[in-house]
Amino acid sequence: MTESIQRTLVATAVFALLGLTGCADTPKKATGPAPEQSPPPSVAMQFPSVPIPKGIELDRGKTFIYESGSGDIKVGRLVFSVWNKTEDVVDYFRTEMVQNGWTPLQIVEHDTRIMLYQRKGQVCTVSVTPSHLGKTHIEIQIGPK
């Protein structure tokens, strides 16, 4: 089996396992305008090419990062929430991902906005979902192409 196929299988298996977890959020007070770039939580710094909006809250229970011992394979599922409007968060990622060297491949818009990007042998999916409590949920999945 080639190394590329092995990476793809590992990434697929990790993302499949990650999809099985879940937990609830407690609402907090809204903070206002469109998200801006800010220093990301330490777990997000492991993927410096992925922009992280200001004011996010990391959901450690749903976040997962896997890196092989050699460092050749690195995949992650980063889950956040923010008190910004869903449209503002979507606009942020559409702009900032391209500015960080990501090429948009596909965007699916419904209740959840799913944006697929590629960059230097990597793929990244950004899902943005509004909640009924006013929070916007962000899930970023990144791994080898």
C-alpha atoms as a PDB file:
ATOM      1  CA  MET A   1       0.000   0.000   0.000  1.00  0.00           C
ATOM      2  CA  THR A   2       1.459   3.400  -0.925  1.00  0.00           C
ATOM      3  CA  GLU A   3       2.228   6.043   1.668  1.00  0.00           C
ATOM      4  CA  SER A   4      -0.384   8.374   0.155  1.00  0.00           C
ATOM      5  CA  ILE A   5      -3.110   5.749   0.496  1.00  0.00           C
ATOM      6  CA  GLN A   6      -2.045   5.014   4.079  1.00  0.00           C
ATOM      7  CA  ARG A   7      -2.283   8.719   4.975  1.00  0.00           C
ATOM      8  CA  THR A   8      -5.699   8.966   3.401  1.00  0.00           C
ATOM      9  CA  LEU A   9      -6.935   5.882   5.267  1.00  0.00           C
ATOM     10  CA  VAL A  10      -5.594   7.161   8.595  1.00  0.00           C
ATOM     11  CA  ALA A  11      -7.154  10.596   8.057  1.00  0.00           C
ATOM     12  CA  THR A  12     -10.491   9.060   7.045  1.00  0.00           C
ATOM     13  CA  ALA A  13     -10.527   6.747  10.062  1.00  0.00           C
ATOM     14  CA  VAL A  14      -9.681   9.580  12.464  1.00  0.00           C
ATOM     15  CA  PHE A  15     -12.386  11.854  11.035  1.00  0.00           C
ATOM     16  CA  ALA A  16     -14.923   9.002  11.216  1.00  0.00           C
ATOM     17  CA  LEU A  17     -14.117   8.384  14.883  1.00  0.00           C
ATOM     18  CA  LEU A  18     -14.338  12.085  15.646  1.00  0.00           C
ATOM     19  CA  GLY A  19     -17.831  12.276  14.222  1.00  0.00           C
ATOM     20  CA  LEU A  20     -19.094   9.971  16.954  1.00  0.00           C
ATOM     21  CA  THR A  21     -18.515  12.404  19.856  1.00  0.00           C
ATOM     22  CA  GLY A  22     -20.774  15.190  21.143  1.00  0.00           C
ATOM     23  CA  CYS A  23     -21.660  17.468  24.035  1.00  0.00           C
ATOM     24  CA  ALA A  24     -23.782  20.544  24.834  1.00  0.00           C
ATOM     25  CA  ASP A  25     -22.745  24.172  25.239  1.00  0.00           C
ATOM     26  CA  THR A  26     -23.894  26.632  27.907  1.00  0.00           C
ATOM     27  CA  PRO A  27     -24.955  29.985  26.432  1.00  0.00           C
ATOM     28  CA  LYS A  28     -22.965  33.161  27.203  1.00  0.00           C
ATOM     29  CA  LYS A  29     -23.547  36.835  26.469  1.00  0.00           C
ATOM     30  CA  ALA A  30     -23.072  38.040  22.854  1.00  0.00           C
ATOM     31  CA  THR A  31     -19.934  40.080  22.127  1.00  0.00           C
ATOM     32  CA  GLY A  32     -20.851  41.944  18.932  1.00  0.00           C
ATOM     33  CA  PRO A  33     -19.201  42.660  15.581  1.00  0.00           C
ATOM     34  CA  ALA A  34     -17.556  40.447  12.972  1.00  0.00           C
ATOM     35  CA  PRO A  35     -14.786  38.141  14.153  1.00  0.00           C
ATOM     36  CA  GLU A  36     -11.183  39.275  13.867  1.00  0.00           C
ATOM     37  CA  GLN A  37      -7.884  37.372  13.960  1.00  0.00           C
ATOM     38  CA  SER A  38      -6.476  36.815  17.455  1.00  0.00           C
ATOM     39  CA  PRO A  39      -3.976  34.500  19.108  1.00  0.00           C
ATOM     40  CA  PRO A  40      -5.578  31.040  18.838  1.00  0.00           C
ATOM     41  CA  PRO A  41      -5.849  28.525  21.655  1.00  0.00           C
ATOM     42  CA  SER A  42      -2.681  26.430  21.940  1.00  0.00           C
ATOM     43  CA  VAL A  43      -4.304  23.410  20.294  1.00  0.00           C
ATOM     44  CA  ALA A  44      -5.157  25.478  17.189  1.00  0.00           C
ATOM     45  CA  MET A  45      -1.564  26.752  16.916  1.00  0.00           C
ATOM     46  CA  GLN A  46      -0.609  23.280  15.714  1.00  0.00           C
ATOM     47  CA  PHE A  47      -2.213  24.308  12.388  1.00  0.00           C
ATOM     48  CA  PRO A  48      -0.838  27.845  11.892  1.00  0.00           C
ATOM     49  CA  SER A  49      -2.108  28.150   8.307  1.00  0.00           C
ATOM     50  CA  VAL A  50      -5.732  27.958   9.486  1.00  0.00           C
ATOM     51  CA  PRO A  51      -7.091  31.355  10.608  1.00  0.00           C
ATOM     52  CA  ILE A  52      -8.942  31.465  13.916  1.00  0.00           C
ATOM     53  CA  PRO A  53     -11.414  34.301  14.633  1.00  0.00           C
ATOM     54  CA  LYS A  54     -11.191  36.440  17.750  1.00  0.00           C
ATOM     55  CA  GLY A  55     -13.416  35.591  20.694  1.00  0.00           C
ATOM     56  CA  ILE A  56     -13.712  31.859  20.067  1.00  0.00           C
ATOM     57  CA  GLU A  57     -14.191  29.264  22.758  1.00  0.00           C
ATOM     58  CA  LEU A  58     -12.472  25.929  22.202  1.00  0.00           C
ATOM     59  CA  ASP A  59     -14.561  22.829  22.850  1.00  0.00           C
ATOM     60  CA  ARG A  60     -11.847  20.510  24.187  1.00  0.00           C
ATOM     61  CA  GLY A  61     -14.302  17.614  24.494  1.00  0.00           C
ATOM     62  CA  LYS A  62     -14.854  17.549  20.734  1.00  0.00           C
ATOM     63  CA  THR A  63     -11.383  18.671  19.604  1.00  0.00           C
ATOM     64  CA  PHE A  64      -8.894  16.025  18.548  1.00  0.00           C
ATOM     65  CA  ILE A  65      -5.418  16.102  16.994  1.00  0.00           C
ATOM     66  CA  TYR A  66      -3.423  13.108  15.795  1.00  0.00           C
ATOM     67  CA  GLU A  67       0.215  13.287  14.738  1.00  0.00           C
ATOM     68  CA  SER A  68       2.263  10.259  13.756  1.00  0.00           C
ATOM     69  CA  GLY A  69       5.500   9.625  15.631  1.00  0.00           C
ATOM     70  CA  SER A  70       7.506  10.717  12.609  1.00  0.00           C
ATOM     71  CA  GLY A  71       5.383  13.837  12.160  1.00  0.00           C
ATOM     72  CA  ASP A  72       4.608  12.858   8.554  1.00  0.00           C
ATOM     73  CA  ILE A  73       0.881  12.595   9.209  1.00  0.00           C
ATOM     74  CA  LYS A  74      -1.050  15.214  11.145  1.00  0.00           C
ATOM     75  CA  VAL A  75      -4.830  15.447  11.242  1.00  0.00           C
ATOM     76  CA  GLY A  76      -7.098  17.452  13.438  1.00  0.00           C
ATOM     77  CA  ARG A  77     -10.649  18.246  14.314  1.00  0.00           C
ATOM     78  CA  LEU A  78     -10.918  21.618  16.016  1.00  0.00           C
ATOM     79  CA  VAL A  79     -14.298  22.603  17.441  1.00  0.00           C
ATOM     80  CA  PHE A  80     -15.124  26.127  18.576  1.00  0.00           C
ATOM     81  CA  SER A  81     -18.062  28.370  19.315  1.00  0.00           C
ATOM     82  CA  VAL A  82     -18.357  32.144  19.143  1.00  0.00           C
ATOM     83  CA  TRP A  83     -21.026  34.760  19.814  1.00  0.00           C
ATOM     84  CA  ASN A  84     -20.789  36.258  16.314  1.00  0.00           C
ATOM     85  CA  LYS A  85     -23.407  36.079  13.583  1.00  0.00           C
ATOM     86  CA  THR A  86     -23.103  33.023  11.367  1.00  0.00           C
ATOM     87  CA  GLU A  87     -22.837  35.163   8.209  1.00  0.00           C
ATOM     88  CA  ASP A  88     -19.948  37.154   9.722  1.00  0.00           C
ATOM     89  CA  VAL A  89     -18.097  33.947  10.606  1.00  0.00           C
ATOM     90  CA  VAL A  90     -18.632  32.503   7.101  1.00  0.00           C
ATOM     91  CA  ASP A  91     -17.392  35.753   5.515  1.00  0.00           C
ATOM     92  CA  TYR A  92     -14.351  35.685   7.819  1.00  0.00           C
ATOM     93  CA  PHE A  93     -13.309  32.194   6.713  1.00  0.00           C
ATOM     94  CA  ARG A  94     -13.995  32.884   3.027  1.00  0.00           C
ATOM     95  CA  THR A  95     -11.614  35.843   3.170  1.00  0.00           C
ATOM     96  CA  GLU A  96      -8.977  34.632   5.634  1.00  0.00           C
ATOM     97  CA  MET A  97      -8.545  31.102   4.262  1.00  0.00           C
ATOM     98  CA  VAL A  98      -7.673  32.495   0.819  1.00  0.00           C
ATOM     99  CA  GLN A  99      -5.327  35.074   2.386  1.00  0.00           C
ATOM    100  CA  ASN A 100      -3.565  32.198   4.175  1.00  0.00           C
ATOM    101  CA  GLY A 101      -2.900  30.370   0.904  1.00  0.00           C
ATOM    102  CA  TRP A 102      -5.897  28.020   0.844  1.00  0.00           C
ATOM    103  CA  THR A 103      -7.718  27.406  -2.442  1.00  0.00           C
ATOM    104  CA  PRO A 104     -11.487  26.992  -2.174  1.00  0.00           C
ATOM    105  CA  LEU A 105     -12.717  23.742  -3.747  1.00  0.00           C
ATOM    106  CA  GLN A 106     -16.372  23.598  -2.769  1.00  0.00           C
ATOM    107  CA  ILE A 107     -18.896  25.496  -0.689  1.00  0.00           C
ATOM    108  CA  VAL A 108     -22.225  24.020   0.371  1.00  0.00           C
ATOM    109  CA  GLU A 109     -24.714  26.422   1.911  1.00  0.00           C
ATOM    110  CA  HIS A 110     -27.754  25.423   3.918  1.00  0.00           C
ATOM    111  CA  ASP A 111     -28.275  25.684   7.668  1.00  0.00           C
ATOM    112  CA  THR A 112     -24.693  24.508   8.043  1.00  0.00           C
ATOM    113  CA  ARG A 113     -22.164  26.127   5.714  1.00  0.00           C
ATOM    114  CA  ILE A 114     -19.459  23.684   4.635  1.00  0.00           C
ATOM    115  CA  MET A 115     -16.363  25.093   2.957  1.00  0.00           C
ATOM    116  CA  LEU A 116     -13.699  22.781   1.510  1.00  0.00           C
ATOM    117  CA  TYR A 117     -10.168  24.092   0.844  1.00  0.00           C
ATOM    118  CA  GLN A 118      -6.818  22.658  -0.250  1.00  0.00           C
ATOM    119  CA  ARG A 119      -3.240  23.839   0.292  1.00  0.00           C
ATOM    120  CA  LYS A 120       0.177  22.220  -0.219  1.00  0.00           C
ATOM    121  CA  GLY A 121      -0.880  18.580   0.163  1.00  0.00           C
ATOM    122  CA  GLN A 122      -3.532  19.327   2.780  1.00  0.00           C
ATOM    123  CA  VAL A 123      -7.306  19.568   2.762  1.00  0.00           C
ATOM    124  CA  CYS A 124      -9.383  21.532   5.240  1.00  0.00           C
ATOM    125  CA  THR A 125     -13.118  21.519   5.814  1.00  0.00           C
ATOM    126  CA  VAL A 126     -14.672  24.411   7.734  1.00  0.00           C
ATOM    127  CA  SER A 127     -18.268  23.875   8.908  1.00  0.00           C
ATOM    128  CA  VAL A 128     -20.170  26.824  10.373  1.00  0.00           C
ATOM    129  CA  THR A 129     -23.511  26.183  12.069  1.00  0.00           C
ATOM    130  CA  PRO A 130     -25.847  28.576  13.882  1.00  0.00           C
ATOM    131  CA  SER A 131     -27.376  27.408  17.155  1.00  0.00           C
ATOM    132  CA  HIS A 132     -30.820  28.187  18.475  1.00  0.00           C
ATOM    133  CA  LEU A 133     -29.230  30.018  21.400  1.00  0.00           C
ATOM    134  CA  GLY A 134     -27.422  32.585  19.227  1.00  0.00           C
ATOM    135  CA  LYS A 135     -23.975  31.035  19.242  1.00  0.00           C
ATOM    136  CA  THR A 136     -22.181  30.037  16.068  1.00  0.00           C
ATOM    137  CA  HIS A 137     -20.435  26.669  16.073  1.00  0.00           C
ATOM    138  CA  ILE A 138     -17.266  26.131  14.013  1.00  0.00           C
ATOM    139  CA  GLU A 139     -15.726  22.776  13.173  1.00  0.00           C
ATOM    140  CA  ILE A 140     -12.429  22.644  11.314  1.00  0.00           C
ATOM    141  CA  GLN A 141     -11.125  19.312  10.023  1.00  0.00           C
ATOM    142  CA  ILE A 142      -7.653  19.297   8.502  1.00  0.00           C
ATOM    143  CA  GLY A 143      -5.435  16.534   7.213  1.00  0.00           C
ATOM    144  CA  PRO A 144      -3.319  15.285   4.317  1.00  0.00           C
ATOM    145  CA  LYS A 145      -4.713  15.358   0.819  1.00  0.00           C
END
